[in-house]
Amino acid sequence: MEISGILSAIVIGIIIGVLGRLVLPGRQRIGILATIAVGIVAALLGSAIAAGLDVADTNGVDWIEWLIQIGLAALGVGLLDRGRARR
């Protein structure tokens, strides 16, 4: 993977993580670095799932891929938040 691919994954991960956090109601007790990490993982997993479902490469914006990524980010943020609430 080239440096531009890594940088774009980080930027998209930040956006996906923040959007996933905004989807969840209430306050989440996780930091910004955890949100970014969840966003990066969700972006990579969402891209793989969208490619597996053959909805990743469309003309224009890949809305289904974005929705998958945001859903995974919301799930990840929710799981981390619940894990921290129990401690």
Foldseek 3Di string as FASTA:
>chain_A
DDPVVVVVLQVQLLVLLVLLCVVDPDDFDDDSVQSSVQSSVLLVVLLVVCVVVVQNDDPDDSVSSSVSSSPSSNVSSVVVRVVVVVD
